[in-house]
Amino acid sequence: MIRTFIAVELPDRFLNEIEKIESELNTPGIKLVQPEQVHITMKFLGDINESDIDQITSALSQINCVPFDAKIKGIGVFPKPAYIKVIWLGAQGNFEALHEEIERVLLPFKLGKDHQFSPHATLARVKELREKALLLEKIKKLEDIDLGIMNVGSIILKKSTLRPQGPIYETLKEIKLK
C-alpha cells in the first residue's frame, strides 16, 4: 500500500515569495512546509494498492476540464483564527470544477467523496501555539499577499512517505488537462 494524493503543483517562480512568506510566519509551535513541497491538494486518496496506479491514472485521464488560469493570493487559517491548525495560501480559479471531475472519474474506486473542498496550498501546520496573538498579527499583515497568476495545465498523482523530519513527495504520474 502506498499513501497518495492528487495535486496541482505551483510554478517554481513562486518559490522565492513562498520562502519570504514562510520566514515571516515562522513562529515557535508551527511546522513550515518546505517551499518546494507547497502544492494545492485536489484530493487525498490515502493508502492504495500500488497495482491500482495504472487504473487510477487511466481514470484521471478521462477528466473533462480544460487548462485554466488561477490566482494564488491571500493567506488564511483552518479551521478558524481562535483554533489554528493550518496556515494556507489561497487559490482562485476553476478548482471546484476540476475537483468535481476528479471525484466523478474516481467514483468506481470507492475512495470516498470529499464533503468539503476549499482550494488552498498549505504553508504550515500548527502543533502547539504559544504566541497566537503574534501569529495572527503576522497573518493579518500578509493576508492580501498576491503571488500572481499561474496556468493549471495538469494534475499530479503523488506518493507521500511520512517521516519525522517531514514527508517526501514523489510524482507517480502527471495527467495533462484537455
Protein backbone atom coordinates (compact mmCIF):
# COMPACT_ATOMS: atom_id res chain seq x y z
CA MET A 1 0.00 0.00 0.00
CA ILE A 2 1.19 3.50 -0.77
CA ARG A 3 -0.14 6.80 0.60
CA THR A 4 -1.27 9.01 -2.29
CA PHE A 5 -2.94 12.26 -3.23
CA ILE A 6 -3.72 14.31 -6.34
CA ALA A 7 -2.18 17.76 -6.53
CA VAL A 8 -1.70 20.85 -8.64
CA GLU A 9 1.89 21.98 -8.33
CA LEU A 10 2.82 25.64 -8.00
CA PRO A 11 5.34 27.03 -10.51
CA ASP A 12 8.97 27.39 -9.43
CA ARG A 13 8.74 31.16 -9.93
CA PHE A 14 6.61 31.31 -6.75
CA LEU A 15 9.32 29.66 -4.59
CA ASN A 16 11.14 32.84 -3.53
CA GLU A 17 7.88 34.50 -2.50
CA ILE A 18 6.78 31.39 -0.56
CA GLU A 19 10.15 31.36 1.23
CA LYS A 20 9.69 35.04 2.19
CA ILE A 21 6.15 34.43 3.44
CA GLU A 22 7.24 31.41 5.48
CA SER A 23 10.15 33.31 7.03
CA GLU A 24 7.65 35.99 8.11
CA LEU A 25 5.29 33.37 9.57
CA ASN A 26 7.98 31.35 11.33
CA THR A 27 6.84 31.17 14.97
CA PRO A 28 7.51 28.63 17.74
CA GLY A 29 4.94 25.82 17.58
CA ILE A 30 4.37 25.77 13.82
CA LYS A 31 5.86 23.38 11.28
CA LEU A 32 6.51 25.01 7.92
CA VAL A 33 6.07 23.06 4.68
CA GLN A 34 9.26 23.03 2.58
CA PRO A 35 8.65 25.73 -0.09
CA GLU A 36 9.27 23.31 -2.96
CA GLN A 37 6.64 20.96 -1.49
CA VAL A 38 3.86 23.57 -1.24
CA HIS A 39 1.04 22.44 -3.58
CA ILE A 40 -2.74 22.50 -3.94
CA THR A 41 -4.22 19.17 -2.85
CA MET A 42 -7.12 18.31 -5.13
CA LYS A 43 -7.94 15.00 -3.43
CA PHE A 44 -6.29 12.89 -0.76
CA LEU A 45 -6.61 9.23 -1.78
CA GLY A 46 -4.97 7.69 1.27
CA ASP A 47 -3.47 4.21 1.09
CA ILE A 48 -3.98 2.49 -2.26
CA ASN A 49 -2.57 -0.68 -3.77
CA GLU A 50 0.39 0.02 -6.00
CA SER A 51 -1.26 -2.24 -8.57
CA ASP A 52 -4.16 0.26 -8.86
CA ILE A 53 -1.97 3.18 -10.02
CA ASP A 54 -2.38 2.47 -13.74
CA GLN A 55 -6.18 2.18 -13.44
CA ILE A 56 -6.39 5.37 -11.36
CA THR A 57 -4.15 7.20 -13.86
CA SER A 58 -6.31 5.94 -16.72
CA ALA A 59 -9.45 7.20 -14.93
CA LEU A 60 -7.83 10.58 -14.26
CA SER A 61 -7.00 10.91 -17.97
CA GLN A 62 -10.80 10.93 -18.58
CA ILE A 63 -11.20 14.23 -16.71
CA ASN A 64 -13.13 16.77 -18.73
CA CYS A 65 -11.53 20.06 -17.69
CA VAL A 66 -9.59 22.43 -19.92
CA PRO A 67 -6.44 24.13 -18.63
CA PHE A 68 -7.20 27.35 -16.76
CA ASP A 69 -5.50 30.33 -15.16
CA ALA A 70 -5.53 30.61 -11.38
CA LYS A 71 -4.60 33.37 -8.97
CA ILE A 72 -2.54 32.48 -5.91
CA LYS A 73 -3.49 35.12 -3.40
CA GLY A 74 -4.20 35.67 0.27
CA ILE A 75 -3.32 33.86 3.48
CA GLY A 76 -5.75 32.33 5.93
CA VAL A 77 -6.18 29.62 8.54
CA PHE A 78 -8.21 26.44 9.12
CA PRO A 79 -10.45 25.84 10.91
CA LYS A 80 -10.70 29.33 12.46
CA PRO A 81 -8.50 32.07 13.96
CA ALA A 82 -9.44 31.05 17.51
CA TYR A 83 -8.20 27.49 16.82
CA ILE A 84 -5.48 27.37 14.15
CA LYS A 85 -4.36 24.00 12.77
CA VAL A 86 -3.30 25.02 9.24
CA ILE A 87 -1.99 28.22 7.63
CA TRP A 88 -2.73 28.37 3.92
CA LEU A 89 -2.18 30.31 0.72
CA GLY A 90 -5.38 30.97 -1.24
CA ALA A 91 -6.05 29.60 -4.74
CA GLN A 92 -8.70 31.14 -7.00
CA GLY A 93 -9.69 29.62 -10.32
CA ASN A 94 -11.63 26.71 -11.78
CA PHE A 95 -10.51 24.37 -8.97
CA GLU A 96 -14.05 23.41 -7.88
CA ALA A 97 -14.95 22.16 -11.39
CA LEU A 98 -11.65 20.26 -11.59
CA HIS A 99 -12.31 18.73 -8.17
CA GLU A 100 -15.80 17.63 -9.24
CA GLU A 101 -14.30 15.96 -12.32
CA ILE A 102 -11.70 14.16 -10.18
CA GLU A 103 -14.49 12.94 -7.88
CA ARG A 104 -16.55 11.81 -10.91
CA VAL A 105 -13.81 9.75 -12.59
CA LEU A 106 -12.66 8.18 -9.29
CA LEU A 107 -16.16 7.15 -8.17
CA PRO A 108 -15.69 3.48 -9.24
CA PHE A 109 -12.67 3.19 -6.92
CA LYS A 110 -14.85 3.83 -3.83
CA LEU A 111 -12.28 6.19 -2.29
CA GLY A 112 -14.97 8.26 -0.59
CA LYS A 113 -16.18 11.69 -1.63
CA ASP A 114 -14.81 14.88 -0.12
CA HIS A 115 -17.55 16.58 1.88
CA GLN A 116 -15.86 19.93 1.68
CA PHE A 117 -13.31 21.23 -0.80
CA SER A 118 -11.56 24.54 -0.41
CA PRO A 119 -8.69 25.16 -2.84
CA HIS A 120 -5.55 26.18 -0.96
CA ALA A 121 -1.86 25.44 -0.57
CA THR A 122 -0.77 24.54 2.98
CA LEU A 123 2.16 26.66 4.18
CA ALA A 124 2.34 25.42 7.77
CA ARG A 125 0.74 23.13 10.31
CA VAL A 126 0.26 24.31 13.86
CA LYS A 127 1.48 21.89 16.53
CA GLU A 128 1.28 23.83 19.78
CA LEU A 129 0.93 27.56 19.55
CA ARG A 130 2.38 29.62 22.39
CA GLU A 131 2.11 33.03 20.74
CA LYS A 132 -1.24 33.03 18.93
CA ALA A 133 -1.62 36.84 19.01
CA LEU A 134 1.79 37.26 17.38
CA LEU A 135 0.97 34.70 14.68
CA LEU A 136 -2.44 36.27 13.97
CA GLU A 137 -0.72 39.65 13.66
CA LYS A 138 1.74 38.21 11.12
CA ILE A 139 -1.10 36.56 9.15
CA LYS A 140 -3.09 39.81 9.15
CA LYS A 141 -0.07 41.64 7.70
CA LEU A 142 0.21 39.06 4.89
CA GLU A 143 -3.50 38.39 4.24
CA ASP A 144 -3.58 40.30 0.93
CA ILE A 145 -0.33 38.88 -0.48
CA ASP A 146 -0.62 38.19 -4.23
CA LEU A 147 1.82 35.75 -5.86
CA GLY A 148 0.19 36.20 -9.25
CA ILE A 149 -1.37 34.10 -11.98
CA MET A 150 -0.40 30.54 -12.87
CA ASN A 151 -1.69 28.19 -15.52
CA VAL A 152 -3.19 24.92 -14.33
CA GLY A 153 -2.50 22.53 -17.19
CA SER A 154 -2.12 19.24 -15.35
CA ILE A 155 -2.71 17.33 -12.16
CA ILE A 156 -0.15 15.11 -10.47
CA LEU A 157 -0.69 11.76 -8.75
CA LYS A 158 1.76 11.88 -5.84
CA LYS A 159 3.12 9.36 -3.37
CA SER A 160 3.63 10.61 0.18
CA THR A 161 6.12 8.93 2.50
CA LEU A 162 5.80 10.21 6.06
CA ARG A 163 8.96 10.74 8.13
CA PRO A 164 9.57 12.52 11.45
CA GLN A 165 11.55 15.27 9.63
CA GLY A 166 8.68 15.81 7.19
CA PRO A 167 7.10 13.99 4.26
CA ILE A 168 8.77 13.04 0.99
CA TYR A 169 6.57 13.55 -2.08
CA GLU A 170 7.23 11.66 -5.29
CA THR A 171 5.47 12.18 -8.61
CA LEU A 172 3.91 8.94 -9.81
CA LYS A 173 2.10 10.30 -12.88
CA GLU A 174 1.32 13.67 -14.44
CA ILE A 175 -2.02 13.91 -16.22
CA LYS A 176 -2.49 16.79 -18.68
CA LEU A 177 -5.82 18.59 -18.72
CA LYS A 178 -7.56 18.79 -22.08
